[in-house]
């Protein structure tokens, strides 16, 4: 860690899949959808501070499904982040 930098301890992770309906169908050369399936991610410190993020996996674009992305966040990214403490 750089001199003067402080570390943040993260104590919890929450990942939720949310389906957001569109007012109208959206189509392009790769897909046609009437909703967006997104992952909302939050992390918290022991003191209760929270940070939020979002992931938009698209099998036709990123090559991963929502389920695979959630698994990756929980079982690869989260352990790697926790190991930095």
PDB file of N, CA and C in Angstrom:
ATOM      1  N   UNK A   1       0.841  -1.167   0.000  1.00  0.00           N
ATOM      2  CA  UNK A   1       0.000   0.000   0.000  1.00  0.00           C
ATOM      3  C   UNK A   1       0.892   1.238   0.000  1.00  0.00           C
ATOM      4  N   UNK A   2       0.443   2.279  -0.662  1.00  0.00           N
ATOM      5  CA  UNK A   2       1.214   3.509  -0.775  1.00  0.00           C
ATOM      6  C   UNK A   2       1.294   4.202   0.579  1.00  0.00           C
ATOM      7  N   UNK A   3       2.415   4.926   0.839  1.00  0.00           N
ATOM      8  CA  UNK A   3       2.525   5.661   2.096  1.00  0.00           C
ATOM      9  C   UNK A   3       1.363   6.644   2.243  1.00  0.00           C
ATOM     10  N   UNK A   4       0.783   6.701   3.422  1.00  0.00           N
ATOM     11  CA  UNK A   4      -0.319   7.607   3.683  1.00  0.00           C
ATOM     12  C   UNK A   4      -1.681   7.060   3.297  1.00  0.00           C
ATOM     13  N   UNK A   5      -1.706   5.944   2.587  1.00  0.00           N
ATOM     14  CA  UNK A   5      -2.991   5.357   2.183  1.00  0.00           C
ATOM     15  C   UNK A   5      -3.566   4.566   3.346  1.00  0.00           C
ATOM     16  N   UNK A   6      -4.858   4.539   3.432  1.00  0.00           N
ATOM     17  CA  UNK A   6      -5.493   3.740   4.471  1.00  0.00           C
ATOM     18  C   UNK A   6      -6.265   2.604   3.818  1.00  0.00           C
ATOM     19  N   UNK A   7      -6.452   1.553   4.571  1.00  0.00           N
ATOM     20  CA  UNK A   7      -7.194   0.424   4.027  1.00  0.00           C
ATOM     21  C   UNK A   7      -8.634   0.468   4.526  1.00  0.00           C
ATOM     22  N   UNK A   8      -9.509  -0.107   3.744  1.00  0.00           N
ATOM     23  CA  UNK A   8     -10.912  -0.214   4.113  1.00  0.00           C
ATOM     24  C   UNK A   8     -11.213  -1.689   4.309  1.00  0.00           C
ATOM     25  N   UNK A   9     -11.793  -2.009   5.421  1.00  0.00           N
ATOM     26  CA  UNK A   9     -12.182  -3.390   5.691  1.00  0.00           C
ATOM     27  C   UNK A   9     -13.641  -3.555   5.284  1.00  0.00           C
ATOM     28  N   UNK A  10     -13.896  -4.530   4.445  1.00  0.00           N
ATOM     29  CA  UNK A  10     -15.250  -4.822   4.002  1.00  0.00           C
ATOM     30  C   UNK A  10     -15.753  -6.066   4.718  1.00  0.00           C
ATOM     31  N   UNK A  11     -16.947  -5.976   5.264  1.00  0.00           N
ATOM     32  CA  UNK A  11     -17.453  -7.086   6.061  1.00  0.00           C
ATOM     33  C   UNK A  11     -18.582  -7.863   5.408  1.00  0.00           C
ATOM     34  N   UNK A  12     -19.254  -7.265   4.431  1.00  0.00           N
ATOM     35  CA  UNK A  12     -20.357  -8.009   3.822  1.00  0.00           C
ATOM     36  C   UNK A  12     -20.541  -7.641   2.360  1.00  0.00           C
ATOM     37  N   UNK A  13     -21.109  -8.588   1.650  1.00  0.00           N
ATOM     38  CA  UNK A  13     -21.417  -8.457   0.227  1.00  0.00           C
ATOM     39  C   UNK A  13     -22.868  -8.853   0.017  1.00  0.00           C
ATOM     40  N   UNK A  14     -23.572  -8.092  -0.803  1.00  0.00           N
ATOM     41  CA  UNK A  14     -24.936  -8.446  -1.178  1.00  0.00           C
ATOM     42  C   UNK A  14     -25.047  -8.312  -2.690  1.00  0.00           C
ATOM     43  N   UNK A  15     -25.532  -9.350  -3.358  1.00  0.00           N
ATOM     44  CA  UNK A  15     -25.720  -9.340  -4.806  1.00  0.00           C
ATOM     45  C   UNK A  15     -27.171  -9.712  -5.069  1.00  0.00           C
ATOM     46  N   UNK A  16     -27.870  -8.842  -5.798  1.00  0.00           N
ATOM     47  CA  UNK A  16     -29.279  -9.099  -6.100  1.00  0.00           C
ATOM     48  C   UNK A  16     -29.522  -8.936  -7.589  1.00  0.00           C
ATOM     49  N   UNK A  17     -30.285  -9.856  -8.130  1.00  0.00           N
ATOM     50  CA  UNK A  17     -30.694  -9.761  -9.525  1.00  0.00           C
ATOM     51  C   UNK A  17     -32.014  -9.009  -9.577  1.00  0.00           C
ATOM     52  N   UNK A  18     -32.057  -7.980 -10.414  1.00  0.00           N
ATOM     53  CA  UNK A  18     -33.257  -7.158 -10.550  1.00  0.00           C
ATOM     54  C   UNK A  18     -33.637  -7.126 -12.029  1.00  0.00           C
ATOM     55  N   UNK A  19     -34.910  -7.311 -12.308  1.00  0.00           N
ATOM     56  CA  UNK A  19     -35.417  -7.223 -13.677  1.00  0.00           C
ATOM     57  C   UNK A  19     -36.156  -5.889 -13.802  1.00  0.00           C
ATOM     58  N   UNK A  20     -35.649  -5.052 -14.705  1.00  0.00           N
ATOM     59  CA  UNK A  20     -36.237  -3.730 -14.929  1.00  0.00           C
ATOM     60  C   UNK A  20     -36.989  -3.736 -16.258  1.00  0.00           C
ATOM     61  N   UNK A  21     -38.313  -3.617 -16.222  1.00  0.00           N
ATOM     62  CA  UNK A  21     -39.080  -3.641 -17.475  1.00  0.00           C
ATOM     63  C   UNK A  21     -38.904  -2.336 -18.258  1.00  0.00           C
ATOM     64  N   UNK A  22     -38.909  -2.449 -19.579  1.00  0.00           N
ATOM     65  CA  UNK A  22     -38.847  -1.282 -20.454  1.00  0.00           C
ATOM     66  C   UNK A  22     -40.276  -0.869 -20.816  1.00  0.00           C
ATOM     67  N   UNK A  23     -40.447   0.366 -21.183  1.00  0.00           N
ATOM     68  CA  UNK A  23     -41.756   0.827 -21.654  1.00  0.00           C
ATOM     69  C   UNK A  23     -42.073   0.247 -23.025  1.00  0.00           C
ATOM     70  N   UNK A  24     -41.014  -0.003 -23.802  1.00  0.00           N
ATOM     71  CA  UNK A  24     -41.202  -0.600 -25.129  1.00  0.00           C
ATOM     72  C   UNK A  24     -40.021  -1.525 -25.412  1.00  0.00           C
ATOM     73  N   UNK A  25     -40.223  -2.437 -26.321  1.00  0.00           N
ATOM     74  CA  UNK A  25     -39.186  -3.392 -26.704  1.00  0.00           C
ATOM     75  C   UNK A  25     -38.029  -2.656 -27.371  1.00  0.00           C
ATOM     76  N   UNK A  26     -36.806  -3.071 -27.030  1.00  0.00           N
ATOM     77  CA  UNK A  26     -35.591  -2.510 -27.621  1.00  0.00           C
ATOM     78  C   UNK A  26     -34.936  -3.599 -28.460  1.00  0.00           C
ATOM     79  N   UNK A  27     -34.610  -3.276 -29.694  1.00  0.00           N
ATOM     80  CA  UNK A  27     -33.988  -4.247 -30.599  1.00  0.00           C
ATOM     81  C   UNK A  27     -32.756  -3.641 -31.244  1.00  0.00           C
ATOM     82  N   UNK A  28     -31.763  -4.484 -31.452  1.00  0.00           N
ATOM     83  CA  UNK A  28     -30.570  -4.121 -32.217  1.00  0.00           C
ATOM     84  C   UNK A  28     -30.056  -5.379 -32.891  1.00  0.00           C
ATOM     85  N   UNK A  29     -28.930  -5.287 -33.525  1.00  0.00           N
ATOM     86  CA  UNK A  29     -28.457  -6.415 -34.331  1.00  0.00           C
ATOM     87  C   UNK A  29     -28.154  -7.675 -33.516  1.00  0.00           C
ATOM     88  N   UNK A  30     -27.926  -7.534 -32.205  1.00  0.00           N
ATOM     89  CA  UNK A  30     -27.553  -8.691 -31.390  1.00  0.00           C
ATOM     90  C   UNK A  30     -28.693  -9.269 -30.562  1.00  0.00           C
ATOM     91  N   UNK A  31     -29.719  -8.472 -30.284  1.00  0.00           N
ATOM     92  CA  UNK A  31     -30.786  -8.965 -29.411  1.00  0.00           C
ATOM     93  C   UNK A  31     -32.008  -8.071 -29.482  1.00  0.00           C
ATOM     94  N   UNK A  32     -33.077  -8.573 -28.889  1.00  0.00           N
ATOM     95  CA  UNK A  32     -34.315  -7.827 -28.738  1.00  0.00           C
ATOM     96  C   UNK A  32     -34.826  -8.109 -27.330  1.00  0.00           C
ATOM     97  N   UNK A  33     -35.094  -7.052 -26.561  1.00  0.00           N
ATOM     98  CA  UNK A  33     -35.487  -7.253 -25.162  1.00  0.00           C
ATOM     99  C   UNK A  33     -36.587  -6.287 -24.765  1.00  0.00           C
ATOM    100  N   UNK A  34     -37.409  -6.724 -23.785  1.00  0.00           N
ATOM    101  CA  UNK A  34     -38.409  -5.829 -23.218  1.00  0.00           C
ATOM    102  C   UNK A  34     -38.153  -5.561 -21.735  1.00  0.00           C
ATOM    103  N   UNK A  35     -36.972  -6.016 -21.267  1.00  0.00           N
ATOM    104  CA  UNK A  35     -36.552  -5.745 -19.889  1.00  0.00           C
ATOM    105  C   UNK A  35     -35.033  -5.885 -19.793  1.00  0.00           C
ATOM    106  N   UNK A  36     -34.479  -5.353 -18.730  1.00  0.00           N
ATOM    107  CA  UNK A  36     -33.047  -5.479 -18.468  1.00  0.00           C
ATOM    108  C   UNK A  36     -32.858  -6.270 -17.186  1.00  0.00           C
ATOM    109  N   UNK A  37     -32.070  -7.310 -17.256  1.00  0.00           N
ATOM    110  CA  UNK A  37     -31.726  -8.091 -16.077  1.00  0.00           C
ATOM    111  C   UNK A  37     -30.361  -7.598 -15.612  1.00  0.00           C
ATOM    112  N   UNK A  38     -30.303  -7.065 -14.414  1.00  0.00           N
ATOM    113  CA  UNK A  38     -29.073  -6.466 -13.918  1.00  0.00           C
ATOM    114  C   UNK A  38     -28.754  -6.989 -12.522  1.00  0.00           C
ATOM    115  N   UNK A  39     -27.481  -6.957 -12.181  1.00  0.00           N
ATOM    116  CA  UNK A  39     -27.050  -7.324 -10.832  1.00  0.00           C
ATOM    117  C   UNK A  39     -26.724  -6.049 -10.074  1.00  0.00           C
ATOM    118  N   UNK A  40     -27.354  -5.878  -8.922  1.00  0.00           N
ATOM    119  CA  UNK A  40     -27.017  -4.780  -8.029  1.00  0.00           C
ATOM    120  C   UNK A  40     -26.135  -5.350  -6.930  1.00  0.00           C
ATOM    121  N   UNK A  41     -24.996  -4.707  -6.712  1.00  0.00           N
ATOM    122  CA  UNK A  41     -23.994  -5.199  -5.774  1.00  0.00           C
ATOM    123  C   UNK A  41     -23.779  -4.142  -4.705  1.00  0.00           C
ATOM    124  N   UNK A  42     -23.758  -4.553  -3.443  1.00  0.00           N
ATOM    125  CA  UNK A  42     -23.386  -3.626  -2.381  1.00  0.00           C
ATOM    126  C   UNK A  42     -22.392  -4.309  -1.457  1.00  0.00           C
ATOM    127  N   UNK A  43     -21.474  -3.514  -0.958  1.00  0.00           N
ATOM    128  CA  UNK A  43     -20.512  -3.972   0.042  1.00  0.00           C
ATOM    129  C   UNK A  43     -20.632  -3.045   1.245  1.00  0.00           C
ATOM    130  N   UNK A  44     -20.303  -3.553   2.418  1.00  0.00           N
ATOM    131  CA  UNK A  44     -20.417  -2.748   3.633  1.00  0.00           C
ATOM    132  C   UNK A  44     -19.184  -2.938   4.499  1.00  0.00           C
ATOM    133  N   UNK A  45     -18.897  -1.911   5.281  1.00  0.00           N
ATOM    134  CA  UNK A  45     -17.831  -1.973   6.274  1.00  0.00           C
ATOM    135  C   UNK A  45     -18.444  -2.373   7.610  1.00  0.00           C
ATOM    136  N   UNK A  46     -17.614  -2.770   8.567  1.00  0.00           N
ATOM    137  CA  UNK A  46     -18.158  -3.086   9.894  1.00  0.00           C
ATOM    138  C   UNK A  46     -18.880  -1.891  10.523  1.00  0.00           C
ATOM    139  N   UNK A  47     -18.508  -0.668  10.156  1.00  0.00           N
ATOM    140  CA  UNK A  47     -19.135   0.531  10.704  1.00  0.00           C
ATOM    141  C   UNK A  47     -20.434   0.915  10.022  1.00  0.00           C
ATOM    142  N   UNK A  48     -20.831   0.194   8.975  1.00  0.00           N
ATOM    143  CA  UNK A  48     -22.103   0.456   8.329  1.00  0.00           C
ATOM    144  C   UNK A  48     -22.036   1.283   7.058  1.00  0.00           C
ATOM    145  N   UNK A  49     -20.847   1.750   6.659  1.00  0.00           N
ATOM    146  CA  UNK A  49     -20.746   2.470   5.398  1.00  0.00           C
ATOM    147  C   UNK A  49     -21.008   1.491   4.260  1.00  0.00           C
ATOM    148  N   UNK A  50     -21.676   1.950   3.200  1.00  0.00           N
ATOM    149  CA  UNK A  50     -22.010   1.083   2.070  1.00  0.00           C
ATOM    150  C   UNK A  50     -21.535   1.683   0.769  1.00  0.00           C
ATOM    151  N   UNK A  51     -21.169   0.789  -0.141  1.00  0.00           N
ATOM    152  CA  UNK A  51     -20.846   1.162  -1.503  1.00  0.00           C
ATOM    153  C   UNK A  51     -21.677   0.315  -2.438  1.00  0.00           C
ATOM    154  N   UNK A  52     -22.064   0.885  -3.576  1.00  0.00           N
ATOM    155  CA  UNK A  52     -22.956   0.200  -4.499  1.00  0.00           C
ATOM    156  C   UNK A  52     -22.359   0.138  -5.896  1.00  0.00           C
ATOM    157  N   UNK A  53     -22.712  -0.901  -6.629  1.00  0.00           N
ATOM    158  CA  UNK A  53     -22.291  -1.047  -8.012  1.00  0.00           C
ATOM    159  C   UNK A  53     -23.321  -1.849  -8.779  1.00  0.00           C
ATOM    160  N   UNK A  54     -23.096  -1.938 -10.058  1.00  0.00           N
ATOM    161  CA  UNK A  54     -24.034  -2.624 -10.936  1.00  0.00           C
ATOM    162  C   UNK A  54     -23.263  -3.401 -11.978  1.00  0.00           C
ATOM    163  N   UNK A  55     -23.782  -4.551 -12.342  1.00  0.00           N
ATOM    164  CA  UNK A  55     -23.198  -5.351 -13.426  1.00  0.00           C
ATOM    165  C   UNK A  55     -24.309  -5.666 -14.418  1.00  0.00           C
ATOM    166  N   UNK A  56     -23.997  -5.558 -15.697  1.00  0.00           N
ATOM    167  CA  UNK A  56     -24.974  -5.818 -16.760  1.00  0.00           C
ATOM    168  C   UNK A  56     -24.452  -6.920 -17.685  1.00  0.00           C
ATOM    169  N   UNK A  57     -24.407  -8.151 -17.204  1.00  0.00           N
ATOM    170  CA  UNK A  57     -23.928  -9.232 -18.071  1.00  0.00           C
ATOM    171  C   UNK A  57     -24.901  -9.510 -19.209  1.00  0.00           C
ATOM    172  N   UNK A  58     -24.359  -9.702 -20.372  1.00  0.00           N
ATOM    173  CA  UNK A  58     -25.152 -10.033 -21.555  1.00  0.00           C
ATOM    174  C   UNK A  58     -24.443 -11.163 -22.287  1.00  0.00           C
ATOM    175  N   UNK A  59     -25.067 -12.322 -22.366  1.00  0.00           N
ATOM    176  CA  UNK A  59     -24.416 -13.479 -22.990  1.00  0.00           C
ATOM    177  C   UNK A  59     -24.028 -13.196 -24.431  1.00  0.00           C
ATOM    178  N   UNK A  60     -24.821 -12.410 -25.146  1.00  0.00           N
ATOM    179  CA  UNK A  60     -24.523 -12.099 -26.546  1.00  0.00           C
ATOM    180  C   UNK A  60     -23.431 -11.043 -26.691  1.00  0.00           C
ATOM    181  N   UNK A  61     -23.093 -10.353 -25.612  1.00  0.00           N
ATOM    182  CA  UNK A  61     -22.099  -9.287 -25.677  1.00  0.00           C
ATOM    183  C   UNK A  61     -20.837  -9.622 -24.884  1.00  0.00           C
ATOM    184  N   UNK A  62     -21.011  -9.985 -23.610  1.00  0.00           N
ATOM    185  CA  UNK A  62     -19.870 -10.268 -22.735  1.00  0.00           C
ATOM    186  C   UNK A  62     -19.543 -11.751 -22.657  1.00  0.00           C
ATOM    187  N   UNK A  63     -20.475 -12.588 -23.121  1.00  0.00           N
ATOM    188  CA  UNK A  63     -20.244 -14.027 -23.076  1.00  0.00           C
ATOM    189  C   UNK A  63     -20.600 -14.666 -21.744  1.00  0.00           C
ATOM    190  N   UNK A  64     -21.209 -13.916 -20.829  1.00  0.00           N
ATOM    191  CA  UNK A  64     -21.578 -14.490 -19.537  1.00  0.00           C
ATOM    192  C   UNK A  64     -23.050 -14.234 -19.238  1.00  0.00           C
ATOM    193  N   UNK A  65     -23.654 -15.168 -18.531  1.00  0.00           N
ATOM    194  CA  UNK A  65     -25.044 -15.023 -18.115  1.00  0.00           C
ATOM    195  C   UNK A  65     -25.090 -14.295 -16.774  1.00  0.00           C
ATOM    196  N   UNK A  66     -26.276 -13.906 -16.370  1.00  0.00           N
ATOM    197  CA  UNK A  66     -26.454 -13.268 -15.064  1.00  0.00           C
ATOM    198  C   UNK A  66     -26.001 -14.226 -13.958  1.00  0.00           C
ATOM    199  N   UNK A  67     -26.349 -15.482 -14.089  1.00  0.00           N
ATOM    200  CA  UNK A  67     -25.975 -16.480 -13.081  1.00  0.00           C
ATOM    201  C   UNK A  67     -24.455 -16.635 -12.998  1.00  0.00           C
ATOM    202  N   UNK A  68     -23.795 -16.679 -14.159  1.00  0.00           N
ATOM    203  CA  UNK A  68     -22.328 -16.815 -14.165  1.00  0.00           C
ATOM    204  C   UNK A  68     -21.668 -15.577 -13.574  1.00  0.00           C
ATOM    205  N   UNK A  69     -22.193 -14.403 -13.877  1.00  0.00           N
ATOM    206  CA  UNK A  69     -21.622 -13.163 -13.336  1.00  0.00           C
ATOM    207  C   UNK A  69     -21.794 -13.117 -11.821  1.00  0.00           C
ATOM    208  N   UNK A  70     -22.964 -13.503 -11.333  1.00  0.00           N
ATOM    209  CA  UNK A  70     -23.180 -13.511  -9.887  1.00  0.00           C
ATOM    210  C   UNK A  70     -22.233 -14.495  -9.211  1.00  0.00           C
ATOM    211  N   UNK A  71     -22.077 -15.663  -9.787  1.00  0.00           N
ATOM    212  CA  UNK A  71     -21.150 -16.655  -9.246  1.00  0.00           C
ATOM    213  C   UNK A  71     -19.723 -16.109  -9.221  1.00  0.00           C
ATOM    214  N   UNK A  72     -19.314 -15.433 -10.273  1.00  0.00           N
ATOM    215  CA  UNK A  72     -17.975 -14.852 -10.352  1.00  0.00           C
ATOM    216  C   UNK A  72     -17.770 -13.782  -9.272  1.00  0.00           C
ATOM    217  N   UNK A  73     -18.776 -12.934  -9.078  1.00  0.00           N
ATOM    218  CA  UNK A  73     -18.676 -11.884  -8.048  1.00  0.00           C
ATOM    219  C   UNK A  73     -18.536 -12.523  -6.671  1.00  0.00           C
ATOM    220  N   UNK A  74     -19.385 -13.497  -6.385  1.00  0.00           N
ATOM    221  CA  UNK A  74     -19.380 -14.118  -5.055  1.00  0.00           C
ATOM    222  C   UNK A  74     -18.159 -15.002  -4.797  1.00  0.00           C
ATOM    223  N   UNK A  75     -17.726 -15.759  -5.794  1.00  0.00           N
ATOM    224  CA  UNK A  75     -16.715 -16.797  -5.559  1.00  0.00           C
ATOM    225  C   UNK A  75     -15.324 -16.484  -6.080  1.00  0.00           C
ATOM    226  N   UNK A  76     -15.167 -15.428  -6.876  1.00  0.00           N
ATOM    227  CA  UNK A  76     -13.838 -15.027  -7.343  1.00  0.00           C
ATOM    228  C   UNK A  76     -13.481 -13.624  -6.870  1.00  0.00           C
ATOM    229  N   UNK A  77     -14.325 -12.633  -7.229  1.00  0.00           N
ATOM    230  CA  UNK A  77     -14.001 -11.240  -6.899  1.00  0.00           C
ATOM    231  C   UNK A  77     -14.048 -10.967  -5.407  1.00  0.00           C
ATOM    232  N   UNK A  78     -15.108 -11.404  -4.724  1.00  0.00           N
ATOM    233  CA  UNK A  78     -15.240 -11.134  -3.304  1.00  0.00           C
ATOM    234  C   UNK A  78     -14.092 -11.744  -2.494  1.00  0.00           C
ATOM    235  N   UNK A  79     -13.734 -13.007  -2.680  1.00  0.00           N
ATOM    236  CA  UNK A  79     -12.573 -13.543  -1.952  1.00  0.00           C
ATOM    237  C   UNK A  79     -11.273 -12.787  -2.276  1.00  0.00           C
ATOM    238  N   UNK A  80     -11.099 -12.387  -3.524  1.00  0.00           N
ATOM    239  CA  UNK A  80      -9.883 -11.648  -3.897  1.00  0.00           C
ATOM    240  C   UNK A  80      -9.835 -10.285  -3.209  1.00  0.00           C
ATOM    241  N   UNK A  81     -10.983  -9.610  -3.137  1.00  0.00           N
ATOM    242  CA  UNK A  81     -11.041  -8.308  -2.462  1.00  0.00           C
ATOM    243  C   UNK A  81     -10.796  -8.477  -0.978  1.00  0.00           C
ATOM    244  N   UNK A  82     -11.404  -9.470  -0.377  1.00  0.00           N
ATOM    245  CA  UNK A  82     -11.203  -9.710   1.057  1.00  0.00           C
ATOM    246  C   UNK A  82      -9.747 -10.043   1.384  1.00  0.00           C
ATOM    247  N   UNK A  83      -9.051 -10.691   0.448  1.00  0.00           N
ATOM    248  CA  UNK A  83      -7.647 -11.060   0.680  1.00  0.00           C
ATOM    249  C   UNK A  83      -6.740  -9.837   0.694  1.00  0.00           C
ATOM    250  N   UNK A  84      -7.196  -8.698   0.184  1.00  0.00           N
ATOM    251  CA  UNK A  84      -6.379  -7.474   0.170  1.00  0.00           C
ATOM    252  C   UNK A  84      -6.306  -6.777   1.505  1.00  0.00           C
ATOM    253  N   UNK A  85      -7.189  -7.125   2.421  1.00  0.00           N
ATOM    254  CA  UNK A  85      -7.246  -6.431   3.728  1.00  0.00           C
ATOM    255  C   UNK A  85      -6.016  -6.660   4.547  1.00  0.00           C
TER     256      UNK A  85
END
